[in-house]
Amino acid sequence: MDVRALLGSLQVPVTLVGAILVVVSVGSVSTMPSPPPESEGFVAGLAIVFLYFLGWIGFLVLSFGLAIPPGDGYGISFNRYQRGLFAFAGTAGVLSAVGPFVAFGLLLSHPSLMGTAWVVIMSVALIALTVGLLWRGVQVVRQWRSNNESAL
């Protein structure tokens, strides 16, 4: 078994692990009860930060999992440009955590820019991932329609 076939066999499991992490973390944050009024909310805030971090890790695993080329006969066949979009989404996800701290001197003069920079970079990453998935979805629907029309 060559390296490409071995990596291709990991595409779907890695992607599923990332998707599960994202769904679990987003679902847990959205259903988390508010802290009691007599508490300071530190524990709930710490739990939310942990779950957001878990969702971020899941997003990275999902993005880079989709960028893995498929093996022979299994996996999802994305073209080169779609895999490039997924790799870009993963790289932008990494930069969303590292970028604001690298530009800390610039952002120190305007502290609100750190949160804005993070939101903008993660939005670009999410858009790249969504565009790649929608692109492949449109290709699948077109192929399915052409196969059904030729059968009639």
Protein backbone atom coordinates (compact mmCIF):
# COMPACT_ATOMS: atom_id res chain seq x y z
CA MET A 1 0.00 0.00 0.00
CA ASP A 2 1.51 3.31 -1.03
CA VAL A 3 1.37 6.54 0.96
CA ARG A 4 -1.34 8.11 -1.23
CA ALA A 5 -3.68 5.16 -0.74
CA LEU A 6 -2.99 5.17 3.00
CA LEU A 7 -3.73 8.90 3.28
CA GLY A 8 -6.80 8.51 1.07
CA SER A 9 -8.19 5.88 3.41
CA LEU A 10 -7.98 8.44 6.23
CA GLN A 11 -9.93 11.18 4.43
CA VAL A 12 -13.44 10.20 5.53
CA PRO A 13 -12.63 9.18 9.14
CA VAL A 14 -10.62 12.35 9.79
CA THR A 15 -13.37 14.49 8.28
CA LEU A 16 -16.02 12.73 10.37
CA VAL A 17 -14.03 13.26 13.58
CA GLY A 18 -13.78 16.98 12.79
CA ALA A 19 -17.48 17.24 11.96
CA ILE A 20 -18.44 15.43 15.17
CA LEU A 21 -16.24 17.76 17.24
CA VAL A 22 -17.85 20.81 15.65
CA VAL A 23 -21.41 19.52 16.09
CA VAL A 24 -20.85 18.45 19.71
CA SER A 25 -19.17 21.70 20.72
CA VAL A 26 -21.70 23.97 19.00
CA GLY A 27 -24.58 21.89 20.33
CA SER A 28 -23.18 21.97 23.86
CA VAL A 29 -22.64 25.73 23.80
CA SER A 30 -26.10 26.41 22.41
CA THR A 31 -27.86 24.23 25.00
CA MET A 32 -25.73 25.24 27.98
CA PRO A 33 -27.89 26.72 30.76
CA SER A 34 -27.07 30.17 32.06
CA PRO A 35 -25.20 30.30 35.38
CA PRO A 36 -27.21 30.84 38.56
CA PRO A 37 -27.66 34.49 39.58
CA GLU A 38 -25.65 34.12 42.80
CA SER A 39 -22.53 32.84 40.98
CA GLU A 40 -19.97 34.87 39.10
CA GLY A 41 -20.26 32.68 36.02
CA PHE A 42 -16.56 31.79 35.93
CA VAL A 43 -17.12 28.07 35.53
CA ALA A 44 -19.70 28.56 32.79
CA GLY A 45 -17.40 30.99 31.01
CA LEU A 46 -14.50 28.55 31.26
CA ALA A 47 -16.70 25.78 29.86
CA ILE A 48 -17.73 28.00 26.94
CA VAL A 49 -14.10 28.87 26.18
CA PHE A 50 -13.20 25.16 26.25
CA LEU A 51 -16.10 24.25 23.97
CA TYR A 52 -15.21 27.03 21.51
CA PHE A 53 -11.63 25.76 21.49
CA LEU A 54 -12.92 22.23 20.86
CA GLY A 55 -15.07 23.54 17.99
CA TRP A 56 -12.05 25.38 16.53
CA ILE A 57 -9.97 22.18 16.66
CA GLY A 58 -12.87 20.32 15.03
CA PHE A 59 -13.04 22.94 12.27
CA LEU A 60 -9.33 22.53 11.59
CA VAL A 61 -9.57 18.73 11.52
CA LEU A 62 -12.63 18.94 9.25
CA SER A 63 -10.96 21.37 6.84
CA PHE A 64 -7.68 19.50 6.60
CA GLY A 65 -9.52 16.16 6.46
CA LEU A 66 -11.42 17.30 3.38
CA ALA A 67 -8.14 18.46 1.82
CA ILE A 68 -6.72 14.92 1.90
CA PRO A 69 -6.80 13.42 -1.62
CA PRO A 70 -9.06 10.33 -1.85
CA GLY A 71 -7.70 6.84 -2.20
CA ASP A 72 -8.36 4.47 -5.07
CA GLY A 73 -12.06 3.63 -5.06
CA TYR A 74 -12.99 5.28 -1.77
CA GLY A 75 -13.19 8.74 -0.31
CA ILE A 76 -14.80 11.90 -1.63
CA SER A 77 -13.41 13.01 -4.99
CA PHE A 78 -12.82 16.73 -4.70
CA ASN A 79 -10.89 18.39 -7.49
CA ARG A 80 -7.59 20.19 -6.96
CA TYR A 81 -9.16 23.62 -6.52
CA GLN A 82 -11.74 22.42 -4.01
CA ARG A 83 -9.01 20.75 -1.94
CA GLY A 84 -7.11 24.03 -2.19
CA LEU A 85 -10.11 25.85 -0.73
CA PHE A 86 -10.24 23.36 2.16
CA ALA A 87 -6.51 23.74 2.81
CA PHE A 88 -6.98 27.52 2.70
CA ALA A 89 -9.85 27.25 5.20
CA GLY A 90 -7.67 25.21 7.57
CA THR A 91 -4.74 27.59 7.17
CA ALA A 92 -6.98 30.59 7.79
CA GLY A 93 -8.30 28.80 10.87
CA VAL A 94 -4.76 28.41 12.18
CA LEU A 95 -4.00 32.05 11.33
CA SER A 96 -7.11 33.15 13.20
CA ALA A 97 -5.46 31.97 16.40
CA VAL A 98 -1.90 33.03 15.58
CA GLY A 99 -2.43 36.15 13.46
CA PRO A 100 -3.83 38.52 16.08
CA PHE A 101 -0.92 37.72 18.40
CA VAL A 102 1.67 38.19 15.67
CA ALA A 103 0.27 41.63 14.94
CA PHE A 104 -0.07 42.32 18.66
CA GLY A 105 1.88 45.59 18.49
CA LEU A 106 -0.49 47.01 15.92
CA LEU A 107 -3.52 45.66 17.69
CA LEU A 108 -2.33 46.93 21.07
CA SER A 109 -3.13 50.48 20.03
CA HIS A 110 -6.67 49.36 19.09
CA PRO A 111 -7.66 46.41 21.33
CA SER A 112 -11.01 45.94 19.61
CA LEU A 113 -9.15 45.00 16.43
CA MET A 114 -7.99 41.71 17.96
CA GLY A 115 -11.53 40.37 18.19
CA THR A 116 -12.38 41.86 14.83
CA ALA A 117 -9.32 40.27 13.21
CA TRP A 118 -10.25 36.89 14.66
CA VAL A 119 -13.85 37.14 13.45
CA VAL A 120 -12.84 38.28 9.96
CA ILE A 121 -10.23 35.55 9.50
CA MET A 122 -12.55 32.81 10.79
CA SER A 123 -15.35 34.12 8.58
CA VAL A 124 -13.08 33.88 5.54
CA ALA A 125 -12.17 30.33 6.58
CA LEU A 126 -15.80 29.35 7.00
CA ILE A 127 -16.73 30.90 3.65
CA ALA A 128 -13.91 29.01 1.90
CA LEU A 129 -15.07 25.72 3.43
CA THR A 130 -18.70 26.40 2.51
CA VAL A 131 -17.85 27.39 -1.07
CA GLY A 132 -15.83 24.21 -1.56
CA LEU A 133 -18.61 22.00 -0.22
CA LEU A 134 -21.33 23.79 -2.21
CA TRP A 135 -19.19 23.59 -5.36
CA ARG A 136 -18.87 19.82 -4.98
CA GLY A 137 -22.58 19.54 -4.15
CA VAL A 138 -23.53 21.35 -7.37
CA GLN A 139 -21.24 19.03 -9.34
CA VAL A 140 -22.87 15.95 -7.81
CA VAL A 141 -26.39 17.24 -8.55
CA ARG A 142 -25.46 18.08 -12.16
CA GLN A 143 -23.91 14.64 -12.67
CA TRP A 144 -26.94 12.95 -11.13
CA ARG A 145 -29.33 14.93 -13.36
CA SER A 146 -27.35 14.17 -16.51
CA ASN A 147 -27.31 10.46 -15.65
CA ASN A 148 -31.08 10.43 -15.03
CA GLU A 149 -31.86 12.38 -18.21
CA SER A 150 -29.80 10.02 -20.34
CA ALA A 151 -31.64 7.01 -18.85
CA LEU A 152 -34.99 8.39 -20.02
